[in-house]
Amino acid sequence: MRILVFLMSAVVGLLASAAGAQTTCVPGDRPIDPHYASDIADEWPREARRIKSNEQLVARERDRLRLALDGGKSIELVDCPYGGDGYHYLYERYDQAGPFYVVRRSAPDKLSYELVMLPTGRVFTVDGAPVWASEKSRFLTIGCSLEPPRGSLVIHASDGAEIAKEADFELPCDSESCAARWDHQSWISVTCVPRDGNGNGKKGKEFVLMRSHNGTWSRFGR
């Protein structure tokens, strides 16, 4: 109960300080999203436990998530709780292989992830949490949902300062739920399962993505 009272007070404080916030979110005459307070009441305590393992680099101050960068600098990600198109940020982890922070961005109609580069503060938006290949030079992300409608697997390369898209493959997420794993740094196995779940024995799609010597990714299988 005390946590909920504190978080509701935080929302009031957010309104009072919105004018000076470093953000493009403009309240105008839009009310606070009624789900915002309940969402953060549920999620902030869990986020605090994740922050504790990196408290020298990450801090939460009400609606602001502050991330330390190289050279003594920092970046702030600021929630926008107004109206039906608002959003809020949740710290997930520090990924040393990046090196970047993985931050979840939750909105009523979309879930995405912000990868904040530690050396530069540049922010890259992806549809799913990064899954690294064994040698840590590239990772994949999956966006597979009916709402919002999306279905793709993207392979990204990272050099420590920048993230580049190597390949993008369409997934049949309108009818199947898909997952992927790295079997080798140049080999990804993708398995899709029908969403209907009616037990009729229908098989989903299975295929592999392979990287050739010239760096091109290709798809093989049904």
Protein backbone atom coordinates (compact mmCIF):
# COMPACT_ATOMS: atom_id res chain seq x y z
CA MET A 1 0.00 0.00 0.00
CA ARG A 2 2.85 2.37 0.86
CA ILE A 3 4.42 1.67 -2.54
CA LEU A 4 1.18 2.50 -4.32
CA VAL A 5 0.77 5.75 -2.37
CA PHE A 6 4.35 6.71 -3.24
CA LEU A 7 3.86 5.96 -6.91
CA MET A 8 0.63 7.96 -7.06
CA SER A 9 2.53 10.85 -5.48
CA ALA A 10 5.19 10.39 -8.14
CA VAL A 11 2.59 10.86 -10.84
CA VAL A 12 1.46 14.11 -9.22
CA GLY A 13 5.08 15.23 -9.09
CA LEU A 14 5.44 14.31 -12.74
CA LEU A 15 2.64 16.69 -13.68
CA ALA A 16 4.22 19.47 -11.70
CA SER A 17 7.60 19.06 -13.37
CA ALA A 18 6.50 18.23 -16.92
CA ALA A 19 7.21 21.72 -18.22
CA GLY A 20 10.94 21.35 -17.57
CA ALA A 21 11.24 17.76 -18.73
CA GLN A 22 13.77 16.84 -21.43
CA THR A 23 11.19 15.13 -23.65
CA THR A 24 9.04 15.62 -26.73
CA CYS A 25 5.97 14.51 -24.78
CA VAL A 26 3.53 17.43 -24.56
CA PRO A 27 0.54 16.97 -22.22
CA GLY A 28 -1.68 19.70 -23.71
CA ASP A 29 -5.19 18.99 -22.49
CA ARG A 30 -4.76 15.22 -22.48
CA PRO A 31 -5.39 13.42 -19.17
CA ILE A 32 -2.99 10.90 -17.68
CA ASP A 33 -3.56 7.40 -19.01
CA PRO A 34 -5.56 5.65 -16.23
CA HIS A 35 -3.41 2.54 -16.64
CA TYR A 36 -0.13 4.40 -16.10
CA ALA A 37 -0.24 4.48 -12.28
CA SER A 38 -1.25 0.84 -11.98
CA ASP A 39 1.38 -0.27 -14.49
CA ILE A 40 4.26 1.47 -12.76
CA ALA A 41 3.00 0.36 -9.31
CA ASP A 42 3.37 -3.20 -10.54
CA GLU A 43 6.56 -2.81 -12.58
CA TRP A 44 8.79 -0.33 -10.75
CA PRO A 45 9.49 -2.58 -7.73
CA ARG A 46 10.66 -5.36 -10.06
CA GLU A 47 12.71 -2.88 -12.07
CA ALA A 48 14.35 -1.66 -8.83
CA ARG A 49 15.69 -5.16 -8.23
CA ARG A 50 17.21 -5.20 -11.72
CA ILE A 51 18.71 -1.74 -11.24
CA LYS A 52 20.33 -2.84 -7.96
CA SER A 53 22.81 -5.03 -9.84
CA ASN A 54 23.95 -1.99 -11.87
CA GLU A 55 23.23 0.86 -9.50
CA GLN A 56 26.51 2.59 -10.37
CA LEU A 57 25.26 2.99 -13.95
CA VAL A 58 21.46 3.16 -13.73
CA ALA A 59 19.08 5.22 -11.60
CA ARG A 60 15.33 5.82 -11.51
CA GLU A 61 13.91 9.17 -10.42
CA ARG A 62 10.13 8.97 -10.68
CA ASP A 63 9.33 9.21 -14.40
CA ARG A 64 12.99 9.49 -15.44
CA LEU A 65 15.35 6.61 -16.14
CA ARG A 66 18.96 7.84 -16.07
CA LEU A 67 21.71 5.81 -17.79
CA ALA A 68 25.43 6.55 -17.39
CA LEU A 69 27.54 6.86 -20.54
CA ASP A 70 31.27 6.82 -21.17
CA GLY A 71 33.15 10.01 -20.35
CA GLY A 72 31.03 10.88 -17.32
CA LYS A 73 27.96 11.75 -19.41
CA SER A 74 24.44 10.37 -19.03
CA ILE A 75 21.15 10.12 -20.90
CA GLU A 76 17.59 10.30 -19.56
CA LEU A 77 14.58 8.45 -20.92
CA VAL A 78 11.39 10.15 -19.76
CA ASP A 79 7.94 8.58 -19.56
CA CYS A 80 4.96 10.09 -21.36
CA PRO A 81 1.82 9.12 -19.40
CA TYR A 82 -0.65 11.33 -21.28
CA GLY A 83 -3.51 10.06 -23.41
CA GLY A 84 -3.92 6.77 -25.19
CA ASP A 85 -0.64 7.07 -27.09
CA GLY A 86 1.59 7.45 -24.03
CA TYR A 87 4.48 5.17 -23.10
CA HIS A 88 6.86 4.35 -20.28
CA TYR A 89 10.38 2.93 -20.02
CA LEU A 90 11.60 -0.01 -17.95
CA TYR A 91 15.23 -0.94 -17.46
CA GLU A 92 15.85 -4.59 -18.39
CA ARG A 93 19.61 -5.14 -18.27
CA TYR A 94 23.07 -3.92 -19.17
CA ASP A 95 24.41 -5.97 -22.06
CA GLN A 96 28.19 -5.96 -21.93
CA ALA A 97 28.50 -7.53 -25.37
CA GLY A 98 26.83 -4.45 -26.93
CA PRO A 99 27.91 -2.61 -24.94
CA PHE A 100 24.42 -1.19 -24.49
CA TYR A 101 21.51 -0.90 -22.11
CA VAL A 102 18.37 -2.85 -22.94
CA VAL A 103 15.29 -0.78 -22.06
CA ARG A 104 11.71 -1.89 -22.62
CA ARG A 105 9.35 0.74 -24.04
CA SER A 106 5.73 -0.09 -23.24
CA ALA A 107 2.85 1.62 -25.02
CA PRO A 108 -0.84 0.65 -25.29
CA ASP A 109 -0.47 -0.52 -28.88
CA LYS A 110 3.20 -1.52 -29.07
CA LEU A 111 6.01 -3.11 -27.11
CA SER A 112 9.55 -2.38 -28.28
CA TYR A 113 13.06 -2.20 -26.91
CA GLU A 114 15.53 0.68 -26.89
CA LEU A 115 19.21 -0.24 -27.10
CA VAL A 116 21.20 2.66 -25.65
CA MET A 117 24.87 2.54 -26.63
CA LEU A 118 27.20 3.07 -23.66
CA PRO A 119 29.99 4.81 -25.66
CA THR A 120 27.80 7.30 -27.56
CA GLY A 121 24.28 7.39 -26.07
CA ARG A 122 22.77 6.60 -29.47
CA VAL A 123 19.42 4.85 -29.22
CA PHE A 124 18.40 2.02 -31.55
CA THR A 125 14.81 0.73 -31.47
CA VAL A 126 14.16 -2.98 -32.06
CA ASP A 127 11.06 -5.17 -31.83
CA GLY A 128 12.46 -7.78 -29.45
CA ALA A 129 15.14 -8.36 -26.83
CA PRO A 130 18.57 -9.14 -28.35
CA VAL A 131 19.64 -12.79 -28.67
CA TRP A 132 23.38 -13.02 -29.35
CA ALA A 133 25.34 -15.44 -31.49
CA SER A 134 28.13 -17.25 -29.64
CA GLU A 135 30.94 -14.98 -30.84
CA LYS A 136 28.97 -11.84 -29.81
CA SER A 137 29.42 -9.86 -33.03
CA ARG A 138 25.76 -10.07 -34.09
CA PHE A 139 22.37 -10.68 -32.55
CA LEU A 140 18.83 -11.37 -33.67
CA THR A 141 15.51 -9.87 -32.63
CA ILE A 142 12.01 -11.17 -33.29
CA GLY A 143 8.78 -9.21 -33.63
CA CYS A 144 5.93 -11.73 -33.79
CA SER A 145 2.47 -10.62 -32.69
CA LEU A 146 -1.10 -10.17 -33.84
CA GLU A 147 -1.59 -6.88 -32.01
CA PRO A 148 0.10 -4.83 -33.23
CA PRO A 149 0.38 -6.91 -36.40
CA ARG A 150 4.04 -7.64 -37.13
CA GLY A 151 6.16 -10.58 -38.11
CA SER A 152 9.87 -10.37 -38.79
CA LEU A 153 13.24 -11.68 -37.67
CA VAL A 154 16.05 -9.15 -37.96
CA ILE A 155 19.77 -9.90 -37.77
CA HIS A 156 21.90 -7.04 -36.47
CA ALA A 157 25.68 -6.54 -36.38
CA SER A 158 27.34 -4.49 -33.64
CA ASP A 159 30.85 -3.07 -33.55
CA GLY A 160 30.59 -1.58 -30.07
CA ALA A 161 29.55 1.88 -31.23
CA GLU A 162 26.99 1.30 -33.98
CA ILE A 163 24.31 -1.26 -34.79
CA ALA A 164 23.65 -2.18 -38.43
CA LYS A 165 20.89 -4.34 -39.91
CA GLU A 166 22.35 -7.31 -41.81
CA ALA A 167 19.12 -9.02 -42.87
CA ASP A 168 15.36 -8.98 -42.33
CA PHE A 169 13.15 -12.05 -42.85
CA GLU A 170 9.36 -12.15 -42.85
CA LEU A 171 7.66 -14.51 -40.39
CA PRO A 172 4.13 -15.99 -40.70
CA CYS A 173 2.99 -14.41 -37.44
CA ASP A 174 -0.54 -13.78 -38.69
CA SER A 175 -1.21 -17.51 -38.24
CA GLU A 176 1.77 -18.92 -36.32
CA SER A 177 3.94 -18.10 -33.32
CA CYS A 178 7.66 -18.19 -34.12
CA ALA A 179 10.87 -18.68 -32.14
CA ALA A 180 14.52 -18.81 -33.22
CA ARG A 181 17.87 -19.97 -31.89
CA TRP A 182 21.50 -19.71 -32.94
CA ASP A 183 22.94 -23.14 -33.79
CA HIS A 184 26.14 -21.53 -35.10
CA GLN A 185 27.31 -17.98 -35.65
CA SER A 186 26.24 -18.38 -39.30
CA TRP A 187 23.20 -20.62 -38.77
CA ILE A 188 19.81 -19.79 -37.20
CA SER A 189 17.00 -22.32 -36.75
CA VAL A 190 13.43 -20.94 -36.85
CA THR A 191 10.38 -22.88 -35.66
CA CYS A 192 6.78 -21.68 -36.03
CA VAL A 193 3.74 -23.26 -34.35
CA PRO A 194 0.10 -22.74 -35.44
CA ARG A 195 -1.75 -20.33 -33.18
CA ASP A 196 -5.11 -22.15 -33.30
CA GLY A 197 -3.99 -24.84 -30.84
CA ASN A 198 -6.88 -27.12 -31.78
CA GLY A 199 -4.77 -30.27 -31.59
CA ASN A 200 -5.37 -31.34 -35.20
CA GLY A 201 -1.70 -32.22 -35.65
CA LYS A 202 -1.07 -29.48 -38.17
CA LYS A 203 2.61 -28.60 -38.39
CA GLY A 204 3.97 -25.12 -38.58
CA LYS A 205 6.87 -23.84 -40.63
CA GLU A 206 10.47 -24.77 -39.92
CA PHE A 207 13.44 -23.29 -41.74
CA VAL A 208 17.03 -22.18 -41.29
CA LEU A 209 18.82 -18.95 -42.07
CA MET A 210 22.40 -19.31 -43.25
CA ARG A 211 25.14 -16.74 -43.76
CA SER A 212 27.40 -17.26 -46.77
CA HIS A 213 31.07 -16.36 -47.00
CA ASN A 214 30.22 -13.04 -48.64
CA GLY A 215 28.02 -12.07 -45.66
CA THR A 216 24.65 -12.62 -47.34
CA TRP A 217 21.91 -14.36 -45.34
CA SER A 218 19.58 -16.82 -47.11
CA ARG A 219 16.60 -18.88 -46.09
CA PHE A 220 16.30 -22.66 -46.60
CA GLY A 221 13.48 -25.06 -45.72
CA ARG A 222 9.70 -25.14 -45.79
